Amino acid sequence: MHELGITQEVLSLVLKEAEAAKARRINRINLVVGEASGVVDDSVQLCFELVSADTIAREAELSFKHIPLKMRCRACGHTFSPDGLYTSCPACQKWDAEITEGSEFYIDSIEVD
């Protein structure tokens, strides 16, 4: 489960920012998750509950904003939202596309007291 490592890193970054802000408690962590990132919300939530238990983030709410997958065809430049990860371009039918959105995973913001 790669979510454990990801969640530990999120917690580490959030605690560092909270300490710099002299926060007493972390209330909410707003995360951005792309559809193709491979990150599973429920797994991150479970891991977060485990790794944050003895920290000022122990009662923090995790909020997930999802970014849909978008691709651009390298052959014709058409941008599209595929039905799945492996889809040909609907404009030219070529199988040469790159992900332009939807692979993100990052901390958007944190809310602290």
PDB file of N, CA and C in Angstrom:
ATOM      1  N   MET A   1       0.856  -1.177   0.000  1.00  0.00           N
ATOM      2  CA  MET A   1       0.000   0.000   0.000  1.00  0.00           C
ATOM      3  C   MET A   1       0.899   1.236   0.000  1.00  0.00           C
ATOM      4  N   HIS A   2       1.003   1.912  -1.138  1.00  0.00           N
ATOM      5  CA  HIS A   2       1.852   3.098  -1.218  1.00  0.00           C
ATOM      6  C   HIS A   2       1.241   4.295  -0.503  1.00  0.00           C
ATOM      7  N   GLU A   3      -0.043   4.209  -0.155  1.00  0.00           N
ATOM      8  CA  GLU A   3      -0.700   5.304   0.546  1.00  0.00           C
ATOM      9  C   GLU A   3      -0.074   5.576   1.919  1.00  0.00           C
ATOM     10  N   LEU A   4       0.486   4.558   2.554  1.00  0.00           N
ATOM     11  CA  LEU A   4       1.117   4.765   3.858  1.00  0.00           C
ATOM     12  C   LEU A   4       2.278   5.744   3.738  1.00  0.00           C
ATOM     13  N   GLY A   5       3.153   5.524   2.792  1.00  0.00           N
ATOM     14  CA  GLY A   5       4.288   6.426   2.592  1.00  0.00           C
ATOM     15  C   GLY A   5       3.849   7.824   2.192  1.00  0.00           C
ATOM     16  N   ILE A   6       2.867   7.889   1.310  1.00  0.00           N
ATOM     17  CA  ILE A   6       2.328   9.180   0.880  1.00  0.00           C
ATOM     18  C   ILE A   6       1.732   9.924   2.071  1.00  0.00           C
ATOM     19  N   THR A   7       0.959   9.216   2.877  1.00  0.00           N
ATOM     20  CA  THR A   7       0.295   9.831   4.027  1.00  0.00           C
ATOM     21  C   THR A   7       1.306  10.292   5.068  1.00  0.00           C
ATOM     22  N   GLN A   8       2.354   9.517   5.286  1.00  0.00           N
ATOM     23  CA  GLN A   8       3.399   9.933   6.220  1.00  0.00           C
ATOM     24  C   GLN A   8       4.071  11.219   5.740  1.00  0.00           C
ATOM     25  N   GLU A   9       4.293  11.319   4.441  1.00  0.00           N
ATOM     26  CA  GLU A   9       4.908  12.529   3.891  1.00  0.00           C
ATOM     27  C   GLU A   9       3.966  13.725   4.010  1.00  0.00           C
ATOM     28  N   VAL A  10       2.678  13.523   3.733  1.00  0.00           N
ATOM     29  CA  VAL A  10       1.691  14.600   3.899  1.00  0.00           C
ATOM     30  C   VAL A  10       1.701  15.084   5.345  1.00  0.00           C
ATOM     31  N   LEU A  11       1.645  14.159   6.281  1.00  0.00           N
ATOM     32  CA  LEU A  11       1.642  14.529   7.696  1.00  0.00           C
ATOM     33  C   LEU A  11       2.907  15.294   8.068  1.00  0.00           C
ATOM     34  N   SER A  12       4.037  14.829   7.604  1.00  0.00           N
ATOM     35  CA  SER A  12       5.300  15.500   7.896  1.00  0.00           C
ATOM     36  C   SER A  12       5.293  16.946   7.391  1.00  0.00           C
ATOM     37  N   LEU A  13       4.841  17.149   6.165  1.00  0.00           N
ATOM     38  CA  LEU A  13       4.793  18.497   5.591  1.00  0.00           C
ATOM     39  C   LEU A  13       3.807  19.395   6.334  1.00  0.00           C
ATOM     40  N   VAL A  14       2.648  18.829   6.663  1.00  0.00           N
ATOM     41  CA  VAL A  14       1.615  19.592   7.364  1.00  0.00           C
ATOM     42  C   VAL A  14       2.085  19.978   8.770  1.00  0.00           C
ATOM     43  N   LEU A  15       2.718  19.054   9.464  1.00  0.00           N
ATOM     44  CA  LEU A  15       3.225  19.360  10.812  1.00  0.00           C
ATOM     45  C   LEU A  15       4.297  20.442  10.765  1.00  0.00           C
ATOM     46  N   LYS A  16       5.135  20.399   9.748  1.00  0.00           N
ATOM     47  CA  LYS A  16       6.184  21.410   9.602  1.00  0.00           C
ATOM     48  C   LYS A  16       5.560  22.794   9.386  1.00  0.00           C
ATOM     49  N   GLU A  17       4.553  22.869   8.526  1.00  0.00           N
ATOM     50  CA  GLU A  17       3.881  24.150   8.272  1.00  0.00           C
ATOM     51  C   GLU A  17       3.127  24.635   9.513  1.00  0.00           C
ATOM     52  N   ALA A  18       2.489  23.720  10.215  1.00  0.00           N
ATOM     53  CA  ALA A  18       1.755  24.086  11.430  1.00  0.00           C
ATOM     54  C   ALA A  18       2.713  24.611  12.499  1.00  0.00           C
ATOM     55  N   GLU A  19       3.860  23.981  12.617  1.00  0.00           N
ATOM     56  CA  GLU A  19       4.860  24.433  13.591  1.00  0.00           C
ATOM     57  C   GLU A  19       5.346  25.835  13.237  1.00  0.00           C
ATOM     58  N   ALA A  20       5.589  26.077  11.950  1.00  0.00           N
ATOM     59  CA  ALA A  20       6.039  27.404  11.515  1.00  0.00           C
ATOM     60  C   ALA A  20       4.985  28.474  11.801  1.00  0.00           C
ATOM     61  N   ALA A  21       3.718  28.074  11.744  1.00  0.00           N
ATOM     62  CA  ALA A  21       2.618  29.009  12.017  1.00  0.00           C
ATOM     63  C   ALA A  21       2.268  29.069  13.502  1.00  0.00           C
ATOM     64  N   LYS A  22       3.002  28.309  14.314  1.00  0.00           N
ATOM     65  CA  LYS A  22       2.754  28.227  15.762  1.00  0.00           C
ATOM     66  C   LYS A  22       1.317  27.771  16.073  1.00  0.00           C
ATOM     67  N   ALA A  23       0.855  26.834  15.278  1.00  0.00           N
ATOM     68  CA  ALA A  23      -0.506  26.295  15.443  1.00  0.00           C
ATOM     69  C   ALA A  23      -0.553  25.322  16.614  1.00  0.00           C
ATOM     70  N   ARG A  24      -1.688  25.306  17.285  1.00  0.00           N
ATOM     71  CA  ARG A  24      -1.907  24.358  18.381  1.00  0.00           C
ATOM     72  C   ARG A  24      -2.603  23.098  17.887  1.00  0.00           C
ATOM     73  N   ARG A  25      -3.341  23.250  16.780  1.00  0.00           N
ATOM     74  CA  ARG A  25      -4.125  22.123  16.278  1.00  0.00           C
ATOM     75  C   ARG A  25      -4.320  22.281  14.770  1.00  0.00           C
ATOM     76  N   ILE A  26      -4.315  21.158  14.088  1.00  0.00           N
ATOM     77  CA  ILE A  26      -4.627  21.137  12.656  1.00  0.00           C
ATOM     78  C   ILE A  26      -6.062  20.637  12.529  1.00  0.00           C
ATOM     79  N   ASN A  27      -6.914  21.453  11.931  1.00  0.00           N
ATOM     80  CA  ASN A  27      -8.329  21.125  11.822  1.00  0.00           C
ATOM     81  C   ASN A  27      -8.696  20.423  10.517  1.00  0.00           C
ATOM     82  N   ARG A  28      -8.063  20.844   9.436  1.00  0.00           N
ATOM     83  CA  ARG A  28      -8.451  20.321   8.122  1.00  0.00           C
ATOM     84  C   ARG A  28      -7.252  20.355   7.185  1.00  0.00           C
ATOM     85  N   ILE A  29      -7.152  19.312   6.376  1.00  0.00           N
ATOM     86  CA  ILE A  29      -6.118  19.242   5.353  1.00  0.00           C
ATOM     87  C   ILE A  29      -6.830  19.039   4.022  1.00  0.00           C
ATOM     88  N   ASN A  30      -6.629  19.983   3.107  1.00  0.00           N
ATOM     89  CA  ASN A  30      -7.278  19.939   1.798  1.00  0.00           C
ATOM     90  C   ASN A  30      -6.302  19.374   0.773  1.00  0.00           C
ATOM     91  N   LEU A  31      -6.654  18.227   0.235  1.00  0.00           N
ATOM     92  CA  LEU A  31      -5.799  17.529  -0.711  1.00  0.00           C
ATOM     93  C   LEU A  31      -6.414  17.551  -2.109  1.00  0.00           C
ATOM     94  N   VAL A  32      -5.558  17.615  -3.116  1.00  0.00           N
ATOM     95  CA  VAL A  32      -5.984  17.529  -4.506  1.00  0.00           C
ATOM     96  C   VAL A  32      -5.484  16.195  -5.041  1.00  0.00           C
ATOM     97  N   VAL A  33      -6.422  15.404  -5.596  1.00  0.00           N
ATOM     98  CA  VAL A  33      -6.108  14.050  -6.047  1.00  0.00           C
ATOM     99  C   VAL A  33      -6.566  13.871  -7.486  1.00  0.00           C
ATOM    100  N   GLY A  34      -5.630  13.606  -8.368  1.00  0.00           N
ATOM    101  CA  GLY A  34      -5.962  13.342  -9.762  1.00  0.00           C
ATOM    102  C   GLY A  34      -6.476  11.927  -9.943  1.00  0.00           C
ATOM    103  N   GLU A  35      -7.378  11.781 -10.895  1.00  0.00           N
ATOM    104  CA  GLU A  35      -7.996  10.482 -11.179  1.00  0.00           C
ATOM    105  C   GLU A  35      -6.960   9.397 -11.518  1.00  0.00           C
ATOM    106  N   ALA A  36      -5.870   9.786 -12.151  1.00  0.00           N
ATOM    107  CA  ALA A  36      -4.844   8.823 -12.560  1.00  0.00           C
ATOM    108  C   ALA A  36      -3.661   8.770 -11.595  1.00  0.00           C
ATOM    109  N   SER A  37      -3.789   9.386 -10.431  1.00  0.00           N
ATOM    110  CA  SER A  37      -2.672   9.423  -9.478  1.00  0.00           C
ATOM    111  C   SER A  37      -2.431   8.082  -8.793  1.00  0.00           C
ATOM    112  N   GLY A  38      -3.451   7.253  -8.765  1.00  0.00           N
ATOM    113  CA  GLY A  38      -3.333   5.971  -8.078  1.00  0.00           C
ATOM    114  C   GLY A  38      -3.552   6.071  -6.582  1.00  0.00           C
ATOM    115  N   VAL A  39      -3.917   7.249  -6.098  1.00  0.00           N
ATOM    116  CA  VAL A  39      -4.148   7.462  -4.669  1.00  0.00           C
ATOM    117  C   VAL A  39      -5.614   7.164  -4.351  1.00  0.00           C
ATOM    118  N   VAL A  40      -5.835   6.345  -3.326  1.00  0.00           N
ATOM    119  CA  VAL A  40      -7.176   5.943  -2.918  1.00  0.00           C
ATOM    120  C   VAL A  40      -7.547   6.679  -1.633  1.00  0.00           C
ATOM    121  N   ASP A  41      -8.611   7.487  -1.706  1.00  0.00           N
ATOM    122  CA  ASP A  41      -9.025   8.326  -0.566  1.00  0.00           C
ATOM    123  C   ASP A  41      -9.163   7.532   0.728  1.00  0.00           C
ATOM    124  N   ASP A  42      -9.903   6.429   0.674  1.00  0.00           N
ATOM    125  CA  ASP A  42     -10.161   5.643   1.887  1.00  0.00           C
ATOM    126  C   ASP A  42      -8.866   5.116   2.507  1.00  0.00           C
ATOM    127  N   SER A  43      -7.922   4.733   1.672  1.00  0.00           N
ATOM    128  CA  SER A  43      -6.642   4.236   2.179  1.00  0.00           C
ATOM    129  C   SER A  43      -5.843   5.355   2.839  1.00  0.00           C
ATOM    130  N   VAL A  44      -5.854   6.530   2.214  1.00  0.00           N
ATOM    131  CA  VAL A  44      -5.162   7.679   2.812  1.00  0.00           C
ATOM    132  C   VAL A  44      -5.815   8.030   4.152  1.00  0.00           C
ATOM    133  N   GLN A  45      -7.140   8.008   4.190  1.00  0.00           N
ATOM    134  CA  GLN A  45      -7.862   8.324   5.430  1.00  0.00           C
ATOM    135  C   GLN A  45      -7.471   7.353   6.540  1.00  0.00           C
ATOM    136  N   LEU A  46      -7.473   6.073   6.230  1.00  0.00           N
ATOM    137  CA  LEU A  46      -7.115   5.058   7.224  1.00  0.00           C
ATOM    138  C   LEU A  46      -5.676   5.233   7.695  1.00  0.00           C
ATOM    139  N   CYS A  47      -4.769   5.412   6.759  1.00  0.00           N
ATOM    140  CA  CYS A  47      -3.364   5.610   7.120  1.00  0.00           C
ATOM    141  C   CYS A  47      -3.183   6.876   7.951  1.00  0.00           C
ATOM    142  N   PHE A  48      -3.921   7.921   7.590  1.00  0.00           N
ATOM    143  CA  PHE A  48      -3.804   9.181   8.324  1.00  0.00           C
ATOM    144  C   PHE A  48      -4.225   9.012   9.775  1.00  0.00           C
ATOM    145  N   GLU A  49      -5.293   8.291   9.997  1.00  0.00           N
ATOM    146  CA  GLU A  49      -5.752   8.047  11.367  1.00  0.00           C
ATOM    147  C   GLU A  49      -4.683   7.333  12.186  1.00  0.00           C
ATOM    148  N   LEU A  50      -3.947   6.442  11.545  1.00  0.00           N
ATOM    149  CA  LEU A  50      -2.888   5.701  12.240  1.00  0.00           C
ATOM    150  C   LEU A  50      -1.662   6.572  12.521  1.00  0.00           C
ATOM    151  N   VAL A  51      -1.187   7.286  11.507  1.00  0.00           N
ATOM    152  CA  VAL A  51       0.079   8.010  11.666  1.00  0.00           C
ATOM    153  C   VAL A  51      -0.066   9.339  12.404  1.00  0.00           C
ATOM    154  N   SER A  52      -1.284   9.882  12.474  1.00  0.00           N
ATOM    155  CA  SER A  52      -1.466  11.179  13.132  1.00  0.00           C
ATOM    156  C   SER A  52      -1.922  11.059  14.585  1.00  0.00           C
ATOM    157  N   ALA A  53      -2.095   9.852  15.074  1.00  0.00           N
ATOM    158  CA  ALA A  53      -2.695   9.616  16.391  1.00  0.00           C
ATOM    159  C   ALA A  53      -2.060  10.409  17.529  1.00  0.00           C
ATOM    160  N   ASP A  54      -0.765  10.558  17.536  1.00  0.00           N
ATOM    161  CA  ASP A  54      -0.082  11.245  18.639  1.00  0.00           C
ATOM    162  C   ASP A  54       0.427  12.634  18.235  1.00  0.00           C
ATOM    163  N   THR A  55      -0.299  13.292  17.335  1.00  0.00           N
ATOM    164  CA  THR A  55       0.135  14.604  16.850  1.00  0.00           C
ATOM    165  C   THR A  55      -0.993  15.627  16.980  1.00  0.00           C
ATOM    166  N   ILE A  56      -0.682  16.874  16.678  1.00  0.00           N
ATOM    167  CA  ILE A  56      -1.708  17.922  16.709  1.00  0.00           C
ATOM    168  C   ILE A  56      -2.676  17.800  15.526  1.00  0.00           C
ATOM    169  N   ALA A  57      -2.438  16.849  14.652  1.00  0.00           N
ATOM    170  CA  ALA A  57      -3.328  16.620  13.502  1.00  0.00           C
ATOM    171  C   ALA A  57      -4.289  15.465  13.735  1.00  0.00           C
ATOM    172  N   ARG A  58      -4.283  14.881  14.937  1.00  0.00           N
ATOM    173  CA  ARG A  58      -5.051  13.657  15.197  1.00  0.00           C
ATOM    174  C   ARG A  58      -6.547  13.790  14.919  1.00  0.00           C
ATOM    175  N   GLU A  59      -7.108  14.986  15.041  1.00  0.00           N
ATOM    176  CA  GLU A  59      -8.540  15.169  14.810  1.00  0.00           C
ATOM    177  C   GLU A  59      -8.822  15.910  13.498  1.00  0.00           C
ATOM    178  N   ALA A  60      -7.803  16.062  12.684  1.00  0.00           N
ATOM    179  CA  ALA A  60      -7.969  16.808  11.432  1.00  0.00           C
ATOM    180  C   ALA A  60      -8.858  16.057  10.451  1.00  0.00           C
ATOM    181  N   GLU A  61      -9.640  16.819   9.731  1.00  0.00           N
ATOM    182  CA  GLU A  61     -10.474  16.262   8.670  1.00  0.00           C
ATOM    183  C   GLU A  61      -9.677  16.317   7.374  1.00  0.00           C
ATOM    184  N   LEU A  62      -9.707  15.237   6.613  1.00  0.00           N
ATOM    185  CA  LEU A  62      -9.096  15.240   5.297  1.00  0.00           C
ATOM    186  C   LEU A  62     -10.181  15.536   4.275  1.00  0.00           C
ATOM    187  N   SER A  63      -9.920  16.485   3.406  1.00  0.00           N
ATOM    188  CA  SER A  63     -10.853  16.836   2.347  1.00  0.00           C
ATOM    189  C   SER A  63     -10.174  16.543   1.009  1.00  0.00           C
ATOM    190  N   PHE A  64     -10.868  15.845   0.126  1.00  0.00           N
ATOM    191  CA  PHE A  64     -10.298  15.438  -1.154  1.00  0.00           C
ATOM    192  C   PHE A  64     -11.007  16.138  -2.311  1.00  0.00           C
ATOM    193  N   LYS A  65     -10.252  16.883  -3.092  1.00  0.00           N
ATOM    194  CA  LYS A  65     -10.779  17.475  -4.329  1.00  0.00           C
ATOM    195  C   LYS A  65     -10.245  16.619  -5.475  1.00  0.00           C
ATOM    196  N   HIS A  66     -11.136  16.117  -6.305  1.00  0.00           N
ATOM    197  CA  HIS A  66     -10.744  15.208  -7.377  1.00  0.00           C
ATOM    198  C   HIS A  66     -10.625  15.933  -8.716  1.00  0.00           C
ATOM    199  N   ILE A  67      -9.537  15.649  -9.401  1.00  0.00           N
ATOM    200  CA  ILE A  67      -9.277  16.226 -10.722  1.00  0.00           C
ATOM    201  C   ILE A  67      -9.473  15.128 -11.763  1.00  0.00           C
ATOM    202  N   PRO A  68     -10.390  15.327 -12.710  1.00  0.00           N
ATOM    203  CA  PRO A  68     -10.630  14.307 -13.729  1.00  0.00           C
ATOM    204  C   PRO A  68      -9.452  14.188 -14.699  1.00  0.00           C
ATOM    205  N   LEU A  69      -9.357  13.044 -15.315  1.00  0.00           N
ATOM    206  CA  LEU A  69      -8.289  12.761 -16.269  1.00  0.00           C
ATOM    207  C   LEU A  69      -8.551  13.482 -17.590  1.00  0.00           C
ATOM    208  N   LYS A  70      -7.518  14.175 -18.077  1.00  0.00           N
ATOM    209  CA  LYS A  70      -7.563  14.813 -19.400  1.00  0.00           C
ATOM    210  C   LYS A  70      -6.280  14.462 -20.115  1.00  0.00           C
ATOM    211  N   MET A  71      -6.413  14.252 -21.416  1.00  0.00           N
ATOM    212  CA  MET A  71      -5.256  13.882 -22.231  1.00  0.00           C
ATOM    213  C   MET A  71      -5.180  14.763 -23.468  1.00  0.00           C
ATOM    214  N   ARG A  72      -3.970  14.837 -24.038  1.00  0.00           N
ATOM    215  CA  ARG A  72      -3.751  15.563 -25.288  1.00  0.00           C
ATOM    216  C   ARG A  72      -3.056  14.629 -26.257  1.00  0.00           C
ATOM    217  N   CYS A  73      -3.618  14.555 -27.457  1.00  0.00           N
ATOM    218  CA  CYS A  73      -3.043  13.704 -28.500  1.00  0.00           C
ATOM    219  C   CYS A  73      -1.765  14.350 -29.026  1.00  0.00           C
ATOM    220  N   ARG A  74      -0.688  13.602 -29.039  1.00  0.00           N
ATOM    221  CA  ARG A  74       0.585  14.120 -29.557  1.00  0.00           C
ATOM    222  C   ARG A  74       0.556  14.237 -31.074  1.00  0.00           C
ATOM    223  N   ALA A  75      -0.294  13.448 -31.716  1.00  0.00           N
ATOM    224  CA  ALA A  75      -0.362  13.455 -33.176  1.00  0.00           C
ATOM    225  C   ALA A  75      -1.133  14.662 -33.717  1.00  0.00           C
ATOM    226  N   CYS A  76      -2.304  14.944 -33.143  1.00  0.00           N
ATOM    227  CA  CYS A  76      -3.142  16.022 -33.699  1.00  0.00           C
ATOM    228  C   CYS A  76      -3.395  17.177 -32.730  1.00  0.00           C
ATOM    229  N   GLY A  77      -3.004  17.028 -31.458  1.00  0.00           N
ATOM    230  CA  GLY A  77      -3.167  18.097 -30.482  1.00  0.00           C
ATOM    231  C   GLY A  77      -4.534  18.170 -29.818  1.00  0.00           C
ATOM    232  N   HIS A  78      -5.429  17.269 -30.169  1.00  0.00           N
ATOM    233  CA  HIS A  78      -6.775  17.269 -29.592  1.00  0.00           C
ATOM    234  C   HIS A  78      -6.712  16.937 -28.098  1.00  0.00           C
ATOM    235  N   THR A  79      -7.445  17.704 -27.285  1.00  0.00           N
ATOM    236  CA  THR A  79      -7.537  17.455 -25.841  1.00  0.00           C
ATOM    237  C   THR A  79      -8.863  16.769 -25.569  1.00  0.00           C
ATOM    238  N   PHE A  80      -8.820  15.724 -24.746  1.00  0.00           N
ATOM    239  CA  PHE A  80     -10.040  14.954 -24.492  1.00  0.00           C
ATOM    240  C   PHE A  80     -10.008  14.308 -23.121  1.00  0.00           C
ATOM    241  N   SER A  81     -11.199  13.935 -22.654  1.00  0.00           N
ATOM    242  CA  SER A  81     -11.361  13.185 -21.410  1.00  0.00           C
ATOM    243  C   SER A  81     -11.620  11.734 -21.799  1.00  0.00           C
ATOM    244  N   PRO A  82     -10.672  10.856 -21.569  1.00  0.00           N
ATOM    245  CA  PRO A  82     -10.818   9.463 -22.006  1.00  0.00           C
ATOM    246  C   PRO A  82     -11.811   8.679 -21.154  1.00  0.00           C
ATOM    247  N   ASP A  83     -12.306   7.600 -21.734  1.00  0.00           N
ATOM    248  CA  ASP A  83     -13.182   6.689 -21.000  1.00  0.00           C
ATOM    249  C   ASP A  83     -12.386   5.855 -20.011  1.00  0.00           C
ATOM    250  N   GLY A  84     -11.116   5.647 -20.287  1.00  0.00           N
ATOM    251  CA  GLY A  84     -10.209   4.888 -19.437  1.00  0.00           C
ATOM    252  C   GLY A  84      -8.811   5.425 -19.665  1.00  0.00           C
ATOM    253  N   LEU A  85      -7.843   4.866 -18.987  1.00  0.00           N
ATOM    254  CA  LEU A  85      -6.469   5.356 -19.125  1.00  0.00           C
ATOM    255  C   LEU A  85      -5.891   5.049 -20.505  1.00  0.00           C
ATOM    256  N   TYR A  86      -6.268   3.923 -21.098  1.00  0.00           N
ATOM    257  CA  TYR A  86      -5.735   3.527 -22.396  1.00  0.00           C
ATOM    258  C   TYR A  86      -6.825   3.678 -23.446  1.00  0.00           C
ATOM    259  N   THR A  87      -6.862   4.873 -24.053  1.00  0.00           N
ATOM    260  CA  THR A  87      -7.881   5.215 -25.023  1.00  0.00           C
ATOM    261  C   THR A  87      -7.222   5.916 -26.199  1.00  0.00           C
ATOM    262  N   SER A  88      -7.678   5.599 -27.395  1.00  0.00           N
ATOM    263  CA  SER A  88      -7.155   6.302 -28.563  1.00  0.00           C
ATOM    264  C   SER A  88      -7.799   7.684 -28.653  1.00  0.00           C
ATOM    265  N   CYS A  89      -7.195   8.552 -29.409  1.00  0.00           N
ATOM    266  CA  CYS A  89      -7.709   9.910 -29.598  1.00  0.00           C
ATOM    267  C   CYS A  89      -9.040   9.846 -30.345  1.00  0.00           C
ATOM    268  N   PRO A  90     -10.072  10.477 -29.826  1.00  0.00           N
ATOM    269  CA  PRO A  90     -11.364  10.451 -30.511  1.00  0.00           C
ATOM    270  C   PRO A  90     -11.353  11.234 -31.825  1.00  0.00           C
ATOM    271  N   ALA A  91     -10.381  12.134 -32.012  1.00  0.00           N
ATOM    272  CA  ALA A  91     -10.322  12.930 -33.241  1.00  0.00           C
ATOM    273  C   ALA A  91      -9.601  12.211 -34.376  1.00  0.00           C
ATOM    274  N   CYS A  92      -8.460  11.576 -34.054  1.00  0.00           N
ATOM    275  CA  CYS A  92      -7.657  10.959 -35.131  1.00  0.00           C
ATOM    276  C   CYS A  92      -7.430   9.460 -34.953  1.00  0.00           C
ATOM    277  N   GLN A  93      -7.906   8.903 -33.828  1.00  0.00           N
ATOM    278  CA  GLN A  93      -7.805   7.471 -33.514  1.00  0.00           C
ATOM    279  C   GLN A  93      -6.384   6.979 -33.237  1.00  0.00           C
ATOM    280  N   LYS A  94      -5.422   7.872 -33.103  1.00  0.00           N
ATOM    281  CA  LYS A  94      -4.042   7.467 -32.772  1.00  0.00           C
ATOM    282  C   LYS A  94      -3.961   7.116 -31.285  1.00  0.00           C
ATOM    283  N   TRP A  95      -2.985   6.280 -30.952  1.00  0.00           N
ATOM    284  CA  TRP A  95      -2.761   5.841 -29.566  1.00  0.00           C
ATOM    285  C   TRP A  95      -1.537   6.539 -28.989  1.00  0.00           C
ATOM    286  N   ASP A  96      -1.412   7.828 -29.226  1.00  0.00           N
ATOM    287  CA  ASP A  96      -0.234   8.566 -28.783  1.00  0.00           C
ATOM    288  C   ASP A  96      -0.682   9.819 -28.027  1.00  0.00           C
ATOM    289  N   ALA A  97      -1.074   9.625 -26.783  1.00  0.00           N
ATOM    290  CA  ALA A  97      -1.573  10.746 -25.987  1.00  0.00           C
ATOM    291  C   ALA A  97      -0.797  10.858 -24.684  1.00  0.00           C
ATOM    292  N   GLU A  98      -0.790  12.062 -24.140  1.00  0.00           N
ATOM    293  CA  GLU A  98      -0.145  12.311 -22.855  1.00  0.00           C
ATOM    294  C   GLU A  98      -1.166  12.868 -21.879  1.00  0.00           C
ATOM    295  N   ILE A  99      -0.958  12.566 -20.616  1.00  0.00           N
ATOM    296  CA  ILE A  99      -1.842  13.079 -19.573  1.00  0.00           C
ATOM    297  C   ILE A  99      -1.500  14.549 -19.335  1.00  0.00           C
ATOM    298  N   THR A 100      -2.515  15.409 -19.391  1.00  0.00           N
ATOM    299  CA  THR A 100      -2.304  16.832 -19.120  1.00  0.00           C
ATOM    300  C   THR A 100      -2.893  17.233 -17.765  1.00  0.00           C
ATOM    301  N   GLU A 101      -3.881  16.504 -17.290  1.00  0.00           N
ATOM    302  CA  GLU A 101      -4.481  16.725 -15.976  1.00  0.00           C
ATOM    303  C   GLU A 101      -4.944  15.388 -15.434  1.00  0.00           C
ATOM    304  N   GLY A 102      -4.915  15.281 -14.119  1.00  0.00           N
ATOM    305  CA  GLY A 102      -5.431  14.070 -13.497  1.00  0.00           C
ATOM    306  C   GLY A 102      -4.392  13.182 -12.855  1.00  0.00           C
ATOM    307  N   SER A 103      -3.125  13.568 -12.910  1.00  0.00           N
ATOM    308  CA  SER A 103      -2.091  12.764 -12.236  1.00  0.00           C
ATOM    309  C   SER A 103      -1.595  13.455 -10.969  1.00  0.00           C
ATOM    310  N   GLU A 104      -2.252  14.556 -10.599  1.00  0.00           N
ATOM    311  CA  GLU A 104      -1.829  15.351  -9.458  1.00  0.00           C
ATOM    312  C   GLU A 104      -2.089  14.657  -8.126  1.00  0.00           C
ATOM    313  N   PHE A 105      -1.271  14.990  -7.165  1.00  0.00           N
ATOM    314  CA  PHE A 105      -1.542  14.706  -5.759  1.00  0.00           C
ATOM    315  C   PHE A 105      -0.726  15.703  -4.965  1.00  0.00           C
ATOM    316  N   TYR A 106      -1.433  16.609  -4.267  1.00  0.00           N
ATOM    317  CA  TYR A 106      -0.722  17.600  -3.480  1.00  0.00           C
ATOM    318  C   TYR A 106      -1.622  18.170  -2.382  1.00  0.00           C
ATOM    319  N   ILE A 107      -0.971  18.835  -1.438  1.00  0.00           N
ATOM    320  CA  ILE A 107      -1.680  19.521  -0.355  1.00  0.00           C
ATOM    321  C   ILE A 107      -2.042  20.895  -0.890  1.00  0.00           C
ATOM    322  N   ASP A 108      -3.328  21.194  -0.927  1.00  0.00           N
ATOM    323  CA  ASP A 108      -3.784  22.490  -1.400  1.00  0.00           C
ATOM    324  C   ASP A 108      -3.685  23.529  -0.293  1.00  0.00           C
ATOM    325  N   SER A 109      -4.155  23.160   0.909  1.00  0.00           N
ATOM    326  CA  SER A 109      -4.110  24.076   2.044  1.00  0.00           C
ATOM    327  C   SER A 109      -4.368  23.306   3.339  1.00  0.00           C
ATOM    328  N   ILE A 110      -4.043  23.979   4.441  1.00  0.00           N
ATOM    329  CA  ILE A 110      -4.362  23.406   5.755  1.00  0.00           C
ATOM    330  C   ILE A 110      -5.057  24.482   6.588  1.00  0.00           C
ATOM    331  N   GLU A 111      -5.916  24.040   7.476  1.00  0.00           N
ATOM    332  CA  GLU A 111      -6.609  24.959   8.372  1.00  0.00           C
ATOM    333  C   GLU A 111      -6.194  24.606   9.803  1.00  0.00           C
ATOM    334  N   VAL A 112      -5.739  25.612  10.528  1.00  0.00           N
ATOM    335  CA  VAL A 112      -5.193  25.393  11.866  1.00  0.00           C
ATOM    336  C   VAL A 112      -5.766  26.376  12.883  1.00  0.00           C
ATOM    337  N   ASP A 113      -5.601  26.040  14.145  1.00  0.00           N
ATOM    338  CA  ASP A 113      -5.912  26.949  15.255  1.00  0.00           C
ATOM    339  C   ASP A 113      -4.599  27.293  15.933  1.00  0.00           C
TER     340      ASP A 113
END
